[in-house]
Amino acid sequence: MKMQLVTRATASRGAVDLALRPEQPADITWLQALYASTRSDELAPVPWPEASKRAFLQQQFALQRAHYQQHFEGGDFLIVQAKDLRIGRLYLHRAATQHTLVDISLLPDWRGQGIGSQLLAYAQAMAREAGCGLSLHVLHSNPAAQRLYVRHGFVTGMSNQTHLQMHWHFPEHRS
């Protein structure tokens, strides 16, 4: 399968060629582990046996996956790779009038190295190319992600008990 080159990111490992490819059924077990890695800090203080935590995370992964597939049908469900190594996922729903950044997740060893910024810039470029804006929802409990989005020009919108909606509109072309 041909992979789409996104960018050449400079991470602590040096220059890293990032590529995107569509998810495949063989990725599901890996995606479950990726999802679990995004919740490990949250579950660390919970006094459950490890087997209960694993079962909970598998259930939550399945529910999230079903929700994404139902509400973002036809979206780009992409695996982020550095060479042949899977390092994350990028979920982007591209509608005619508005794109939605559904999810960016990276394995812990790949976080904090500018790769999320590169993926966000890619999503913004796709929206710019289509002539539309980009929206997302971010957890109130994730201030680092909120700061990332603000640095990339997102502004806050509506809020509920758990999430903050954010929007980005590309600057109008001026001659």
Protein backbone atom coordinates (compact mmCIF):
# COMPACT_ATOMS: atom_id res chain seq x y z
CA MET A 1 0.00 0.00 0.00
CA LYS A 2 1.34 3.43 -0.92
CA MET A 3 1.81 5.75 2.01
CA GLN A 4 1.23 9.47 1.91
CA LEU A 5 4.18 11.53 3.13
CA VAL A 6 3.06 14.19 5.58
CA THR A 7 6.19 15.96 6.69
CA ARG A 8 9.74 15.60 7.86
CA ALA A 9 9.57 16.37 11.57
CA THR A 10 12.56 17.19 13.71
CA ALA A 11 12.19 15.26 16.94
CA SER A 12 14.62 14.36 19.70
CA ARG A 13 15.56 11.39 17.53
CA GLY A 14 16.64 13.76 14.76
CA ALA A 15 14.75 14.22 11.51
CA VAL A 16 11.83 11.80 11.28
CA ASP A 17 9.91 11.10 8.09
CA LEU A 18 6.23 10.87 8.99
CA ALA A 19 3.71 9.13 6.81
CA LEU A 20 0.00 8.43 7.01
CA ARG A 21 -1.82 5.34 5.87
CA PRO A 22 -5.39 4.12 6.31
CA GLU A 23 -6.15 1.94 9.29
CA GLN A 24 -6.45 -1.75 8.56
CA PRO A 25 -8.07 -4.57 10.57
CA ALA A 26 -4.59 -5.79 11.54
CA ASP A 27 -4.07 -2.49 13.42
CA ILE A 28 -6.89 -2.99 15.94
CA THR A 29 -4.83 -4.63 18.70
CA TRP A 30 -2.16 -1.94 18.32
CA LEU A 31 -4.83 0.79 18.37
CA GLN A 32 -6.19 -0.64 21.64
CA ALA A 33 -2.70 -0.36 23.16
CA LEU A 34 -2.35 3.20 21.85
CA TYR A 35 -5.71 4.12 23.37
CA ALA A 36 -4.69 2.55 26.70
CA SER A 37 -1.50 4.63 26.68
CA THR A 38 -3.58 7.82 26.47
CA ARG A 39 -5.49 6.85 29.63
CA SER A 40 -2.66 5.39 31.75
CA ASP A 41 -2.11 8.50 33.91
CA GLU A 42 -5.83 8.78 34.52
CA LEU A 43 -6.15 5.15 35.64
CA ALA A 44 -2.91 4.93 37.64
CA PRO A 45 -4.50 5.95 40.96
CA VAL A 46 -7.60 3.78 40.46
CA PRO A 47 -7.42 0.82 42.88
CA TRP A 48 -8.61 -1.80 40.39
CA PRO A 49 -6.78 -5.01 39.56
CA GLU A 50 -4.82 -4.77 36.29
CA ALA A 51 -7.21 -7.21 34.61
CA SER A 52 -10.14 -4.92 35.45
CA LYS A 53 -8.29 -1.90 34.08
CA ARG A 54 -7.52 -3.77 30.85
CA ALA A 55 -11.16 -4.85 30.47
CA PHE A 56 -12.34 -1.30 31.14
CA LEU A 57 -9.93 0.13 28.56
CA GLN A 58 -10.94 -2.44 25.94
CA GLN A 59 -14.59 -1.56 26.51
CA GLN A 60 -13.90 2.18 26.33
CA PHE A 61 -11.84 1.72 23.16
CA ALA A 62 -14.67 -0.25 21.52
CA LEU A 63 -17.25 2.38 22.49
CA GLN A 64 -15.08 5.25 21.26
CA ARG A 65 -14.37 3.44 18.00
CA ALA A 66 -18.07 2.75 17.40
CA HIS A 67 -18.90 6.39 18.16
CA TYR A 68 -16.26 7.69 15.75
CA GLN A 69 -17.33 5.34 12.97
CA GLN A 70 -20.99 6.27 13.41
CA HIS A 71 -20.59 10.04 13.73
CA PHE A 72 -17.68 10.51 11.34
CA GLU A 73 -18.59 8.00 8.64
CA GLY A 74 -16.33 8.39 5.64
CA GLY A 75 -13.63 10.05 7.74
CA ASP A 76 -9.92 9.54 7.33
CA PHE A 77 -8.91 7.04 10.03
CA LEU A 78 -5.15 7.12 9.62
CA ILE A 79 -2.13 5.48 11.21
CA VAL A 80 0.86 7.78 11.75
CA GLN A 81 4.15 6.09 10.96
CA ALA A 82 7.81 6.95 11.36
CA LYS A 83 9.46 4.73 8.76
CA ASP A 84 7.66 1.39 9.28
CA LEU A 85 6.94 2.00 12.97
CA ARG A 86 3.39 2.86 14.03
CA ILE A 87 3.58 5.81 16.40
CA GLY A 88 0.06 7.24 16.47
CA ARG A 89 -3.25 7.91 14.83
CA LEU A 90 -4.87 10.88 13.12
CA TYR A 91 -8.62 10.91 12.61
CA LEU A 92 -9.92 13.65 10.34
CA HIS A 93 -13.45 14.08 9.02
CA ARG A 94 -13.53 16.20 5.88
CA ALA A 95 -17.01 17.53 5.13
CA ALA A 96 -17.63 20.05 2.36
CA THR A 97 -18.13 23.06 4.63
CA GLN A 98 -16.23 22.11 7.78
CA HIS A 99 -13.46 19.68 8.65
CA THR A 100 -13.34 18.07 12.08
CA LEU A 101 -10.16 16.96 13.77
CA VAL A 102 -11.55 13.92 15.54
CA ASP A 103 -8.38 12.67 17.23
CA ILE A 104 -4.62 12.89 17.38
CA SER A 105 -2.93 10.29 19.60
CA LEU A 106 0.75 9.43 19.84
CA LEU A 107 2.60 6.76 21.77
CA PRO A 108 4.20 8.20 24.95
CA ASP A 109 7.77 8.05 23.58
CA TRP A 110 6.74 10.19 20.61
CA ARG A 111 4.87 12.92 22.50
CA GLY A 112 6.32 16.36 23.16
CA GLN A 113 8.54 16.34 20.08
CA GLY A 114 6.56 18.52 17.67
CA ILE A 115 4.89 15.63 15.87
CA GLY A 116 1.43 16.63 17.09
CA SER A 117 2.07 20.11 15.71
CA GLN A 118 3.04 18.62 12.35
CA LEU A 119 -0.15 16.55 12.25
CA LEU A 120 -2.23 19.55 13.24
CA ALA A 121 -0.59 21.62 10.49
CA TYR A 122 -1.45 18.83 8.04
CA ALA A 123 -5.12 18.91 9.12
CA GLN A 124 -5.13 22.71 8.75
CA ALA A 125 -3.62 22.41 5.26
CA MET A 126 -6.38 19.97 4.25
CA ALA A 127 -9.03 22.43 5.50
CA ARG A 128 -7.31 25.37 3.79
CA GLU A 129 -7.14 23.42 0.53
CA ALA A 130 -10.89 22.73 0.77
CA GLY A 131 -11.63 26.36 1.64
CA CYS A 132 -13.22 25.57 4.98
CA GLY A 133 -12.54 25.73 8.70
CA LEU A 134 -11.39 23.07 11.13
CA SER A 135 -13.05 22.28 14.44
CA LEU A 136 -12.27 19.95 17.32
CA HIS A 137 -13.25 19.07 20.87
CA VAL A 138 -10.62 18.89 23.60
CA LEU A 139 -10.98 17.67 27.16
CA HIS A 140 -11.00 20.37 29.85
CA SER A 141 -8.52 18.10 31.65
CA ASN A 142 -6.00 18.40 28.79
CA PRO A 143 -4.53 21.91 29.08
CA ALA A 144 -1.40 20.94 27.13
CA ALA A 145 -3.51 20.12 24.07
CA GLN A 146 -5.51 23.33 24.53
CA ARG A 147 -2.27 25.34 24.51
CA LEU A 148 -1.14 23.52 21.36
CA TYR A 149 -4.38 24.40 19.57
CA VAL A 150 -4.21 28.05 20.65
CA ARG A 151 -0.61 28.25 19.33
CA HIS A 152 -1.95 27.02 16.00
CA GLY A 153 -4.62 29.72 15.79
CA PHE A 154 -7.64 27.94 17.26
CA VAL A 155 -10.18 29.94 19.25
CA THR A 156 -12.52 28.61 21.89
CA GLY A 157 -16.18 28.04 21.28
CA MET A 158 -18.90 26.31 23.23
CA SER A 159 -18.14 24.21 26.26
CA ASN A 160 -19.85 21.36 28.11
CA GLN A 161 -18.98 19.54 31.33
CA THR A 162 -16.10 17.57 29.80
CA HIS A 163 -15.03 19.21 26.52
CA LEU A 164 -14.20 22.56 25.02
CA GLN A 165 -14.98 23.13 21.35
CA MET A 166 -12.33 24.98 19.36
CA HIS A 167 -12.34 26.37 15.82
CA TRP A 168 -9.75 27.43 13.28
CA HIS A 169 -10.41 29.42 10.12
CA PHE A 170 -7.65 30.02 7.63
CA PRO A 171 -6.72 33.66 7.13
CA GLU A 172 -8.32 35.23 4.10
CA HIS A 173 -5.97 35.57 1.18
CA ARG A 174 -5.04 39.24 0.72
CA SER A 175 -3.46 40.59 -2.43
